[in-house]
Amino acid sequence: MRRALILLALAPAPLWAQASDLDIPVAAADHFPRGIMAKARVYTDPRGLTLYGMDMRAATGRTGQPAFYCSGDCLTQWEPLLAPRGAPVSPVPREFGGPRDDVTAVKPASDNPDWTVIAGPAGPQWVYKKVHLVFTRKGAAPGSSEHDGADGYVWNSLKYVPPLPKLIAPPDVAARLVDGAYVLADAQGNWLFSPKAADCADPCAWRAHATGMVRRSVGQWTVRQTADQAQWVYRGKPVYRADPRQPVPADGAALTP
């Protein structure tokens, strides 16, 4: 006879809880399982309710028992985010009281590796990043994240950080996440921008993004030779650098991937 899962209420002082202000790893894909979406940089359900993760490590502690789930009084406040009926269920990871490591994995319920499904107390339940059992807060208003960090950081809103874009760019150009969107910067952190008009007004006070020793085009990046230096051109417009401590000039537009 299979050993029944132990369903216990949450302990008030968990051992391993992810603080709500720690960086959330970037998403693995820019699409989500059906019924899950991203609004205002957090994941939500179809009602617009913010999704919260309950860290299974925090709930399990060091007992070595099977995974603990929100139950009893906890379920009067938190509602599990259930997966569709018939969704393939993955084994509970060994770190959370599951079986041995050599268990054959089942086909995932989603083609996004961020989201898996395990057997929960109310049925197949979504798990985020293989660690956080997913819930919504009962009685919460759509868009509210007021319970972020509740119960000693057991409950943390699931923040959507878009996946890093695939860049075909000069080697000193990288994508930086700013206010939930990616912009381009150089190796020193200077923002890269192009003029909204055809070019910088003469005389130009902006700092050109020079190509250095490079003279070949890279993807949508081409090279133009000025009287003083070779300068990068992106999507047909010359590229300039802005101090990261200052905003991009009003008559310039930040470069995006």
Protein backbone atom coordinates (compact mmCIF):
# COMPACT_ATOMS: atom_id res chain seq x y z
CA MET A 1 0.00 0.00 0.00
CA ARG A 2 1.37 3.36 -1.00
CA ARG A 3 2.38 5.58 1.82
CA ALA A 4 -0.10 8.42 2.08
CA LEU A 5 1.12 11.99 1.71
CA ILE A 6 1.26 13.83 5.00
CA LEU A 7 -0.85 16.97 4.81
CA LEU A 8 0.12 19.49 7.42
CA ALA A 9 -0.48 23.20 7.93
CA LEU A 10 2.42 25.51 7.32
CA ALA A 11 4.92 26.04 10.10
CA PRO A 12 5.19 29.70 11.19
CA ALA A 13 8.99 29.84 10.87
CA PRO A 14 10.25 27.90 7.83
CA LEU A 15 13.88 26.89 7.47
CA TRP A 16 14.34 27.59 3.76
CA ALA A 17 12.19 30.36 2.39
CA GLN A 18 13.03 32.47 -0.58
CA ALA A 19 12.73 36.14 0.35
CA SER A 20 10.32 37.96 -1.90
CA ASP A 21 12.93 40.56 -2.84
CA LEU A 22 15.48 38.05 -4.18
CA ASP A 23 15.99 37.96 -7.92
CA ILE A 24 13.70 35.52 -9.71
CA PRO A 25 15.53 33.58 -12.45
CA VAL A 26 14.59 34.60 -15.96
CA ALA A 27 11.80 32.69 -17.65
CA ALA A 28 12.70 29.73 -19.80
CA ALA A 29 10.22 30.73 -22.52
CA ASP A 30 7.99 33.64 -23.45
CA HIS A 31 4.84 31.52 -23.57
CA PHE A 32 2.96 30.03 -20.63
CA PRO A 33 0.66 27.09 -19.91
CA ARG A 34 -2.98 27.64 -20.77
CA GLY A 35 -4.69 29.88 -18.22
CA ILE A 36 -1.43 31.40 -16.94
CA MET A 37 -0.33 34.84 -18.10
CA ALA A 38 1.93 37.71 -17.13
CA LYS A 39 0.55 41.12 -16.16
CA ALA A 40 2.46 44.00 -14.57
CA ARG A 41 5.51 41.72 -14.28
CA VAL A 42 3.82 39.00 -12.20
CA TYR A 43 2.15 35.76 -13.25
CA THR A 44 -1.65 35.67 -12.90
CA ASP A 45 -4.52 33.24 -13.35
CA PRO A 46 -7.41 33.92 -15.81
CA ARG A 47 -9.14 36.08 -13.17
CA GLY A 48 -6.12 38.35 -12.96
CA LEU A 49 -5.21 37.11 -9.48
CA THR A 50 -1.49 37.17 -8.69
CA LEU A 51 0.13 33.75 -8.45
CA TYR A 52 2.11 33.00 -5.31
CA GLY A 53 4.67 30.26 -4.81
CA MET A 54 4.93 28.25 -1.61
CA ASP A 55 8.52 27.06 -1.38
CA MET A 56 8.41 23.29 -0.87
CA ARG A 57 11.82 23.45 0.80
CA ALA A 58 10.46 25.88 3.38
CA ALA A 59 7.42 23.70 4.01
CA THR A 60 9.28 20.40 4.21
CA GLY A 61 12.16 21.49 6.41
CA ARG A 62 14.69 18.87 7.49
CA THR A 63 12.25 16.12 8.49
CA GLY A 64 12.84 13.92 5.45
CA GLN A 65 9.09 13.36 5.24
CA PRO A 66 7.12 13.55 2.00
CA ALA A 67 6.35 17.01 0.65
CA PHE A 68 4.17 19.08 2.95
CA TYR A 69 1.22 20.83 1.42
CA CYS A 70 -0.95 23.74 2.42
CA SER A 71 -3.93 22.15 4.23
CA GLY A 72 -6.37 22.74 7.04
CA ASP A 73 -6.58 26.42 8.01
CA CYS A 74 -4.13 27.27 5.25
CA LEU A 75 -6.70 26.33 2.61
CA THR A 76 -9.16 28.87 4.02
CA GLN A 77 -6.75 31.56 2.77
CA TRP A 78 -4.93 30.00 -0.17
CA GLU A 79 -6.32 28.25 -3.25
CA PRO A 80 -4.15 25.76 -5.18
CA LEU A 81 -3.67 26.47 -8.87
CA LEU A 82 -4.83 23.20 -10.38
CA ALA A 83 -3.59 21.86 -13.69
CA PRO A 84 -6.03 20.74 -16.41
CA ARG A 85 -7.76 17.42 -15.85
CA GLY A 86 -5.61 14.57 -17.14
CA ALA A 87 -2.37 16.57 -17.08
CA PRO A 88 0.72 14.35 -16.77
CA VAL A 89 1.98 14.35 -13.18
CA SER A 90 5.72 14.41 -12.44
CA PRO A 91 7.25 12.58 -9.47
CA VAL A 92 7.87 14.69 -6.37
CA PRO A 93 11.60 15.59 -6.34
CA ARG A 94 13.76 13.62 -3.94
CA GLU A 95 14.76 16.82 -2.12
CA PHE A 96 11.14 17.22 -1.07
CA GLY A 97 10.47 13.72 0.13
CA GLY A 98 9.92 12.14 -3.25
CA PRO A 99 11.18 8.80 -4.62
CA ARG A 100 14.70 7.92 -5.74
CA ASP A 101 16.50 9.87 -8.44
CA ASP A 102 16.20 7.02 -10.95
CA VAL A 103 12.42 7.35 -11.35
CA THR A 104 11.58 7.64 -15.02
CA ALA A 105 10.29 11.16 -15.73
CA VAL A 106 6.86 11.45 -17.29
CA LYS A 107 5.99 13.69 -20.23
CA PRO A 108 5.66 17.27 -18.92
CA ALA A 109 2.25 18.93 -18.84
CA SER A 110 3.71 22.00 -20.53
CA ASP A 111 6.37 22.66 -23.16
CA ASN A 112 7.66 25.44 -20.90
CA PRO A 113 10.18 23.85 -18.47
CA ASP A 114 9.40 26.48 -15.82
CA TRP A 115 6.03 24.80 -15.18
CA THR A 116 5.51 21.22 -14.02
CA VAL A 117 2.70 19.36 -12.27
CA ILE A 118 2.75 17.14 -9.17
CA ALA A 119 -0.03 15.44 -7.21
CA GLY A 120 -1.47 17.94 -4.74
CA PRO A 121 -4.11 17.52 -2.03
CA ALA A 122 -6.85 18.83 -4.31
CA GLY A 123 -5.62 17.24 -7.54
CA PRO A 124 -2.78 17.82 -10.03
CA GLN A 125 -1.22 21.15 -9.04
CA TRP A 126 1.12 23.48 -10.89
CA VAL A 127 4.68 23.90 -9.62
CA TYR A 128 6.91 26.79 -10.72
CA LYS A 129 10.66 26.31 -11.23
CA LYS A 130 10.34 22.79 -9.65
CA VAL A 131 10.31 24.36 -6.18
CA HIS A 132 7.22 26.51 -5.65
CA LEU A 133 3.74 25.05 -5.31
CA VAL A 134 1.45 27.61 -6.94
CA PHE A 135 -1.55 29.23 -5.23
CA THR A 136 -3.75 32.31 -5.38
CA ARG A 137 -4.87 34.23 -2.30
CA LYS A 138 -8.58 33.91 -1.59
CA GLY A 139 -10.41 37.23 -1.45
CA ALA A 140 -7.55 39.13 -3.09
CA ALA A 141 -8.26 41.82 -5.66
CA PRO A 142 -7.03 41.26 -9.22
CA GLY A 143 -3.53 42.68 -9.60
CA SER A 144 -2.83 42.82 -5.86
CA SER A 145 0.48 41.48 -4.53
CA GLU A 146 -0.09 42.62 -0.95
CA HIS A 147 0.67 39.17 0.48
CA ASP A 148 4.16 39.04 -1.03
CA GLY A 149 6.54 37.71 1.63
CA ALA A 150 3.74 36.60 3.96
CA ASP A 151 4.32 34.07 6.77
CA GLY A 152 8.04 34.70 7.01
CA TYR A 153 8.55 34.70 3.23
CA VAL A 154 6.89 31.34 2.67
CA TRP A 155 4.58 33.04 0.16
CA ASN A 156 6.23 34.94 -2.69
CA SER A 157 4.57 36.41 -5.74
CA LEU A 158 5.75 34.74 -8.93
CA LYS A 159 7.43 37.56 -10.79
CA TYR A 160 7.77 37.29 -14.54
CA VAL A 161 11.25 38.12 -15.78
CA PRO A 162 11.29 37.72 -19.58
CA PRO A 163 13.83 35.35 -21.10
CA LEU A 164 17.07 36.83 -22.38
CA PRO A 165 16.78 37.70 -26.07
CA LYS A 166 19.05 36.00 -28.56
CA LEU A 167 21.40 38.67 -29.83
CA ILE A 168 23.30 38.89 -33.10
CA ALA A 169 25.36 41.93 -32.21
CA PRO A 170 28.92 43.22 -31.76
CA PRO A 171 30.77 41.44 -28.94
CA ASP A 172 30.61 44.45 -26.61
CA VAL A 173 26.81 44.79 -26.85
CA ALA A 174 24.55 43.12 -24.29
CA ALA A 175 20.89 43.20 -23.28
CA ARG A 176 20.03 44.79 -19.92
CA LEU A 177 16.67 44.42 -18.20
CA VAL A 178 15.18 47.83 -17.32
CA ASP A 179 11.64 48.20 -15.94
CA GLY A 180 10.61 44.81 -17.26
CA ALA A 181 11.97 45.23 -20.80
CA TYR A 182 15.35 44.67 -22.41
CA VAL A 183 17.48 47.50 -23.82
CA LEU A 184 20.97 47.39 -25.27
CA ALA A 185 24.13 48.61 -23.55
CA ASP A 186 27.85 48.41 -24.12
CA ALA A 187 30.41 46.54 -22.01
CA GLN A 188 30.82 49.54 -19.67
CA GLY A 189 27.08 49.77 -19.02
CA ASN A 190 26.47 52.81 -21.22
CA TRP A 191 23.00 52.86 -22.77
CA LEU A 192 23.00 52.63 -26.54
CA PHE A 193 20.63 54.81 -28.50
CA SER A 194 19.98 56.22 -31.95
CA PRO A 195 18.58 59.63 -32.88
CA LYS A 196 14.85 59.83 -33.49
CA ALA A 197 15.64 61.97 -36.50
CA ALA A 198 17.96 60.89 -39.28
CA ASP A 199 21.13 61.73 -37.35
CA CYS A 200 22.66 63.75 -34.55
CA ALA A 201 22.34 67.53 -35.07
CA ASP A 202 25.53 69.26 -36.18
CA PRO A 203 27.66 69.90 -34.19
CA CYS A 204 26.99 66.62 -32.43
CA ALA A 205 27.66 66.47 -28.70
CA TRP A 206 26.80 62.80 -28.39
CA ARG A 207 29.42 60.07 -27.95
CA ALA A 208 29.52 57.76 -30.95
CA HIS A 209 29.62 54.02 -30.32
CA ALA A 210 32.85 53.25 -32.12
CA THR A 211 33.58 49.89 -33.71
CA GLY A 212 37.19 49.76 -32.57
CA MET A 213 39.12 47.36 -34.77
CA VAL A 214 35.95 45.76 -36.17
CA ARG A 215 35.00 46.70 -39.74
CA ARG A 216 32.54 43.96 -40.69
CA SER A 217 28.76 43.98 -40.35
CA VAL A 218 27.11 41.82 -37.70
CA GLY A 219 23.47 40.95 -38.31
CA GLN A 220 21.56 44.27 -38.40
CA TRP A 221 24.70 46.13 -37.33
CA THR A 222 26.74 47.84 -40.05
CA VAL A 223 29.77 50.12 -39.99
CA ARG A 224 30.05 53.68 -41.22
CA GLN A 225 33.33 55.51 -41.49
CA THR A 226 33.29 59.11 -40.29
CA ALA A 227 36.13 61.59 -40.52
CA ASP A 228 37.30 60.62 -37.05
CA GLN A 229 36.37 56.98 -36.52
CA ALA A 230 34.30 54.01 -37.56
CA GLN A 231 30.86 53.99 -35.92
CA TRP A 232 28.24 51.29 -35.48
CA VAL A 233 24.92 51.71 -37.30
CA TYR A 234 21.92 49.70 -36.07
CA ARG A 235 18.90 49.16 -38.28
CA GLY A 236 19.99 52.00 -40.49
CA LYS A 237 20.66 54.59 -37.77
CA PRO A 238 23.98 55.57 -36.15
CA VAL A 239 24.52 54.42 -32.57
CA TYR A 240 25.56 56.60 -29.66
CA ARG A 241 26.31 56.00 -25.98
CA ALA A 242 24.59 57.56 -22.96
CA ASP A 243 25.98 57.65 -19.43
CA PRO A 244 24.16 54.97 -17.36
CA ARG A 245 23.62 57.56 -14.61
CA GLN A 246 21.70 59.78 -17.04
CA PRO A 247 18.60 59.17 -19.16
CA VAL A 248 18.83 58.78 -22.92
CA PRO A 249 18.49 62.23 -24.54
CA ALA A 250 14.93 63.27 -25.31
CA ASP A 251 15.65 63.35 -29.05
CA GLY A 252 17.17 59.84 -28.91
CA ALA A 253 15.59 56.40 -28.67
CA ALA A 254 17.09 53.56 -26.60
CA LEU A 255 18.06 50.53 -28.64
CA THR A 256 16.05 47.37 -28.08
CA PRO A 257 16.88 43.81 -29.21
